[in-house]
Amino acid sequence: MTVATFTEFLRSPKSVVAKTEAGAVRITRRQGRDLVLARADDMETQDAGVKLASRIVRARLGAGSMSDGLASLFSWTGLLDCSEMERFAEAMERLVWPATELGRYGELLSEFRRWEGTAEAYADGFGPVAALGWLDEPVDVPRP
């Protein structure tokens, strides 16, 4: 965490605020407790990450397996097939523990949102994409 003095903040607020691009800034004060200046989106990510991670950990510990815990917690997982559910559970298992230990939730949230987006697409009628292959011969395609 970057550190700045309260006096520095009063004299040059733009330069202290600019430091928040690299993370929170601790503002030290002689006569009081230190303050922390942080970007709102960083705090929102932190808040959402803590909430998601705590829900996943509680479900995981209560269900015995990550897959069972996620299925009981998020009803949309019923739209995923067995292999997708297994990959989702593996991803959450791999990411939730380091995220909670390090207090960095960006990757956990991104991965979770990707899987949630997949389920939303299935709910809208889109199915899994079939395996793509290479054409043996070039094909002429008319202009649209």
C-alpha atoms as a PDB file:
ATOM      1  CA  MET A   1       0.000   0.000   0.000  1.00  0.00           C
ATOM      2  CA  THR A   2       1.324   3.410  -0.978  1.00  0.00           C
ATOM      3  CA  VAL A   3       1.743   5.917   1.861  1.00  0.00           C
ATOM      4  CA  ALA A   4       1.250   9.682   1.864  1.00  0.00           C
ATOM      5  CA  THR A   5       1.048  12.198   4.701  1.00  0.00           C
ATOM      6  CA  PHE A   6      -2.100  14.176   5.416  1.00  0.00           C
ATOM      7  CA  THR A   7      -0.138  17.366   4.774  1.00  0.00           C
ATOM      8  CA  GLU A   8       0.959  16.033   1.400  1.00  0.00           C
ATOM      9  CA  PHE A   9      -2.677  15.228   0.618  1.00  0.00           C
ATOM     10  CA  LEU A  10      -3.785  18.772   1.542  1.00  0.00           C
ATOM     11  CA  ARG A  11      -1.006  20.431  -0.463  1.00  0.00           C
ATOM     12  CA  SER A  12      -1.205  18.247  -3.536  1.00  0.00           C
ATOM     13  CA  PRO A  13      -4.445  16.271  -3.619  1.00  0.00           C
ATOM     14  CA  LYS A  14      -4.191  15.464  -7.352  1.00  0.00           C
ATOM     15  CA  SER A  15      -0.854  13.702  -6.965  1.00  0.00           C
ATOM     16  CA  VAL A  16      -2.075  11.680  -3.968  1.00  0.00           C
ATOM     17  CA  VAL A  17      -5.320  10.738  -5.734  1.00  0.00           C
ATOM     18  CA  ALA A  18      -3.295   9.709  -8.819  1.00  0.00           C
ATOM     19  CA  LYS A  19      -1.506   7.133  -6.641  1.00  0.00           C
ATOM     20  CA  THR A  20      -4.810   5.260  -6.219  1.00  0.00           C
ATOM     21  CA  GLU A  21      -4.377   3.933  -9.772  1.00  0.00           C
ATOM     22  CA  ALA A  22      -1.831   1.518  -8.272  1.00  0.00           C
ATOM     23  CA  GLY A  23      -4.044   0.654  -5.288  1.00  0.00           C
ATOM     24  CA  ALA A  24      -5.177   2.109  -2.000  1.00  0.00           C
ATOM     25  CA  VAL A  25      -3.188   4.947  -0.411  1.00  0.00           C
ATOM     26  CA  ARG A  26      -2.630   5.116   3.338  1.00  0.00           C
ATOM     27  CA  ILE A  27      -2.752   8.715   4.555  1.00  0.00           C
ATOM     28  CA  THR A  28      -0.877   9.109   7.824  1.00  0.00           C
ATOM     29  CA  ARG A  29      -1.850  11.743  10.374  1.00  0.00           C
ATOM     30  CA  ARG A  30       0.046  12.900  13.462  1.00  0.00           C
ATOM     31  CA  GLN A  31      -3.002  13.645  15.594  1.00  0.00           C
ATOM     32  CA  GLY A  32      -5.295  10.824  14.563  1.00  0.00           C
ATOM     33  CA  ARG A  33      -5.716   7.416  13.044  1.00  0.00           C
ATOM     34  CA  ASP A  34      -4.529   6.862   9.507  1.00  0.00           C
ATOM     35  CA  LEU A  35      -6.978   7.122   6.639  1.00  0.00           C
ATOM     36  CA  VAL A  36      -7.193   5.058   3.465  1.00  0.00           C
ATOM     37  CA  LEU A  37      -8.014   6.542   0.075  1.00  0.00           C
ATOM     38  CA  ALA A  38      -9.176   3.998  -2.495  1.00  0.00           C
ATOM     39  CA  ARG A  39     -11.027   3.910  -5.805  1.00  0.00           C
ATOM     40  CA  ALA A  40     -14.707   2.979  -5.565  1.00  0.00           C
ATOM     41  CA  ASP A  41     -14.402   0.209  -8.187  1.00  0.00           C
ATOM     42  CA  ASP A  42     -11.576  -1.405  -6.199  1.00  0.00           C
ATOM     43  CA  MET A  43     -13.756  -1.375  -3.090  1.00  0.00           C
ATOM     44  CA  GLU A  44     -16.749  -2.758  -5.010  1.00  0.00           C
ATOM     45  CA  THR A  45     -14.622  -5.594  -6.410  1.00  0.00           C
ATOM     46  CA  GLN A  46     -13.297  -6.340  -2.927  1.00  0.00           C
ATOM     47  CA  ASP A  47     -16.804  -6.333  -1.446  1.00  0.00           C
ATOM     48  CA  ALA A  48     -18.262  -8.548  -4.187  1.00  0.00           C
ATOM     49  CA  GLY A  49     -15.287 -10.896  -3.946  1.00  0.00           C
ATOM     50  CA  VAL A  50     -15.537 -11.315  -0.184  1.00  0.00           C
ATOM     51  CA  LYS A  51     -19.264 -12.022  -0.457  1.00  0.00           C
ATOM     52  CA  LEU A  52     -18.837 -14.562  -3.268  1.00  0.00           C
ATOM     53  CA  ALA A  53     -15.881 -16.301  -1.637  1.00  0.00           C
ATOM     54  CA  SER A  54     -17.620 -16.592   1.733  1.00  0.00           C
ATOM     55  CA  ARG A  55     -20.723 -18.069   0.083  1.00  0.00           C
ATOM     56  CA  ILE A  56     -18.634 -20.573  -1.869  1.00  0.00           C
ATOM     57  CA  VAL A  57     -16.550 -21.583   1.160  1.00  0.00           C
ATOM     58  CA  ARG A  58     -19.660 -22.076   3.332  1.00  0.00           C
ATOM     59  CA  ALA A  59     -21.330 -24.156   0.621  1.00  0.00           C
ATOM     60  CA  ARG A  60     -18.169 -26.170   0.004  1.00  0.00           C
ATOM     61  CA  LEU A  61     -17.668 -26.967   3.676  1.00  0.00           C
ATOM     62  CA  GLY A  62     -21.347 -27.807   4.184  1.00  0.00           C
ATOM     63  CA  ALA A  63     -21.725 -30.034   1.128  1.00  0.00           C
ATOM     64  CA  GLY A  64     -18.461 -31.940   1.254  1.00  0.00           C
ATOM     65  CA  SER A  65     -17.540 -31.323  -2.370  1.00  0.00           C
ATOM     66  CA  MET A  66     -17.203 -28.157  -4.367  1.00  0.00           C
ATOM     67  CA  SER A  67     -19.505 -29.445  -7.099  1.00  0.00           C
ATOM     68  CA  ASP A  68     -22.304 -30.287  -4.641  1.00  0.00           C
ATOM     69  CA  GLY A  69     -21.833 -27.007  -2.796  1.00  0.00           C
ATOM     70  CA  LEU A  70     -22.015 -24.933  -5.978  1.00  0.00           C
ATOM     71  CA  ALA A  71     -25.075 -26.837  -7.200  1.00  0.00           C
ATOM     72  CA  SER A  72     -26.894 -26.153  -3.935  1.00  0.00           C
ATOM     73  CA  LEU A  73     -25.870 -22.493  -3.954  1.00  0.00           C
ATOM     74  CA  PHE A  74     -26.478 -21.516  -7.579  1.00  0.00           C
ATOM     75  CA  SER A  75     -29.552 -22.999  -9.249  1.00  0.00           C
ATOM     76  CA  TRP A  76     -28.307 -21.970 -12.694  1.00  0.00           C
ATOM     77  CA  THR A  77     -25.616 -24.668 -12.496  1.00  0.00           C
ATOM     78  CA  GLY A  78     -28.369 -27.101 -13.521  1.00  0.00           C
ATOM     79  CA  LEU A  79     -28.004 -25.706 -17.053  1.00  0.00           C
ATOM     80  CA  LEU A  80     -24.384 -26.877 -17.244  1.00  0.00           C
ATOM     81  CA  ASP A  81     -23.654 -30.413 -18.389  1.00  0.00           C
ATOM     82  CA  CYS A  82     -21.637 -32.762 -16.176  1.00  0.00           C
ATOM     83  CA  SER A  83     -18.240 -31.945 -17.701  1.00  0.00           C
ATOM     84  CA  GLU A  84     -18.923 -28.209 -17.539  1.00  0.00           C
ATOM     85  CA  MET A  85     -20.034 -28.470 -13.923  1.00  0.00           C
ATOM     86  CA  GLU A  86     -16.859 -30.371 -13.132  1.00  0.00           C
ATOM     87  CA  ARG A  87     -14.709 -27.699 -14.805  1.00  0.00           C
ATOM     88  CA  PHE A  88     -16.641 -24.934 -13.008  1.00  0.00           C
ATOM     89  CA  ALA A  89     -16.128 -26.664  -9.645  1.00  0.00           C
ATOM     90  CA  GLU A  90     -12.424 -27.201 -10.367  1.00  0.00           C
ATOM     91  CA  ALA A  91     -11.987 -23.537 -11.285  1.00  0.00           C
ATOM     92  CA  MET A  92     -13.745 -22.335  -8.127  1.00  0.00           C
ATOM     93  CA  GLU A  93     -11.770 -24.791  -5.972  1.00  0.00           C
ATOM     94  CA  ARG A  94      -8.523 -23.590  -7.542  1.00  0.00           C
ATOM     95  CA  LEU A  95      -9.332 -19.870  -7.165  1.00  0.00           C
ATOM     96  CA  VAL A  96     -11.355 -19.424  -3.968  1.00  0.00           C
ATOM     97  CA  TRP A  97      -8.665 -20.445  -1.471  1.00  0.00           C
ATOM     98  CA  PRO A  98      -5.850 -18.206  -2.757  1.00  0.00           C
ATOM     99  CA  ALA A  99      -8.331 -15.344  -3.240  1.00  0.00           C
ATOM    100  CA  THR A 100      -9.431 -15.497   0.388  1.00  0.00           C
ATOM    101  CA  GLU A 101      -5.877 -15.819   1.654  1.00  0.00           C
ATOM    102  CA  LEU A 102      -4.475 -12.982  -0.458  1.00  0.00           C
ATOM    103  CA  GLY A 103      -7.542 -10.734  -0.413  1.00  0.00           C
ATOM    104  CA  ARG A 104      -7.458 -10.438  -4.218  1.00  0.00           C
ATOM    105  CA  TYR A 105     -10.746 -11.417  -5.795  1.00  0.00           C
ATOM    106  CA  GLY A 106     -10.545 -10.172  -9.385  1.00  0.00           C
ATOM    107  CA  GLU A 107      -9.717 -13.511 -10.993  1.00  0.00           C
ATOM    108  CA  LEU A 108     -12.286 -15.402  -8.884  1.00  0.00           C
ATOM    109  CA  LEU A 109     -15.008 -12.931  -9.859  1.00  0.00           C
ATOM    110  CA  SER A 110     -14.036 -13.002 -13.544  1.00  0.00           C
ATOM    111  CA  GLU A 111     -14.082 -16.785 -13.718  1.00  0.00           C
ATOM    112  CA  PHE A 112     -17.377 -16.965 -11.833  1.00  0.00           C
ATOM    113  CA  ARG A 113     -18.976 -14.386 -14.142  1.00  0.00           C
ATOM    114  CA  ARG A 114     -17.799 -16.312 -17.223  1.00  0.00           C
ATOM    115  CA  TRP A 115     -19.522 -19.468 -15.993  1.00  0.00           C
ATOM    116  CA  GLU A 116     -22.636 -17.528 -14.994  1.00  0.00           C
ATOM    117  CA  GLY A 117     -22.659 -15.955 -18.466  1.00  0.00           C
ATOM    118  CA  THR A 118     -22.457 -19.400 -20.032  1.00  0.00           C
ATOM    119  CA  ALA A 119     -25.521 -20.486 -18.066  1.00  0.00           C
ATOM    120  CA  GLU A 120     -27.341 -17.291 -19.093  1.00  0.00           C
ATOM    121  CA  ALA A 121     -26.597 -18.050 -22.746  1.00  0.00           C
ATOM    122  CA  TYR A 122     -27.968 -21.584 -22.317  1.00  0.00           C
ATOM    123  CA  ALA A 123     -31.099 -20.143 -20.678  1.00  0.00           C
ATOM    124  CA  ASP A 124     -31.523 -17.863 -23.709  1.00  0.00           C
ATOM    125  CA  GLY A 125     -31.508 -20.891 -26.008  1.00  0.00           C
ATOM    126  CA  PHE A 126     -27.899 -20.983 -27.112  1.00  0.00           C
ATOM    127  CA  GLY A 127     -26.259 -24.359 -26.790  1.00  0.00           C
ATOM    128  CA  PRO A 128     -22.667 -25.445 -26.494  1.00  0.00           C
ATOM    129  CA  VAL A 129     -20.609 -24.716 -29.588  1.00  0.00           C
ATOM    130  CA  ALA A 130     -19.869 -27.847 -31.597  1.00  0.00           C
ATOM    131  CA  ALA A 131     -16.249 -28.712 -32.150  1.00  0.00           C
ATOM    132  CA  LEU A 132     -14.827 -26.731 -35.048  1.00  0.00           C
ATOM    133  CA  GLY A 133     -12.694 -28.321 -37.709  1.00  0.00           C
ATOM    134  CA  TRP A 134     -10.508 -27.255 -40.624  1.00  0.00           C
ATOM    135  CA  LEU A 135     -11.763 -27.451 -44.180  1.00  0.00           C
ATOM    136  CA  ASP A 136      -9.781 -29.687 -46.507  1.00  0.00           C
ATOM    137  CA  GLU A 137     -10.437 -27.464 -49.523  1.00  0.00           C
ATOM    138  CA  PRO A 138     -10.985 -23.688 -49.655  1.00  0.00           C
ATOM    139  CA  VAL A 139     -14.617 -22.706 -50.119  1.00  0.00           C
ATOM    140  CA  ASP A 140     -15.842 -19.609 -51.933  1.00  0.00           C
ATOM    141  CA  VAL A 141     -18.347 -17.674 -49.886  1.00  0.00           C
ATOM    142  CA  PRO A 142     -20.576 -15.028 -51.512  1.00  0.00           C
ATOM    143  CA  ARG A 143     -20.370 -11.504 -50.154  1.00  0.00           C
ATOM    144  CA  PRO A 144     -23.259 -10.608 -47.872  1.00  0.00           C
END
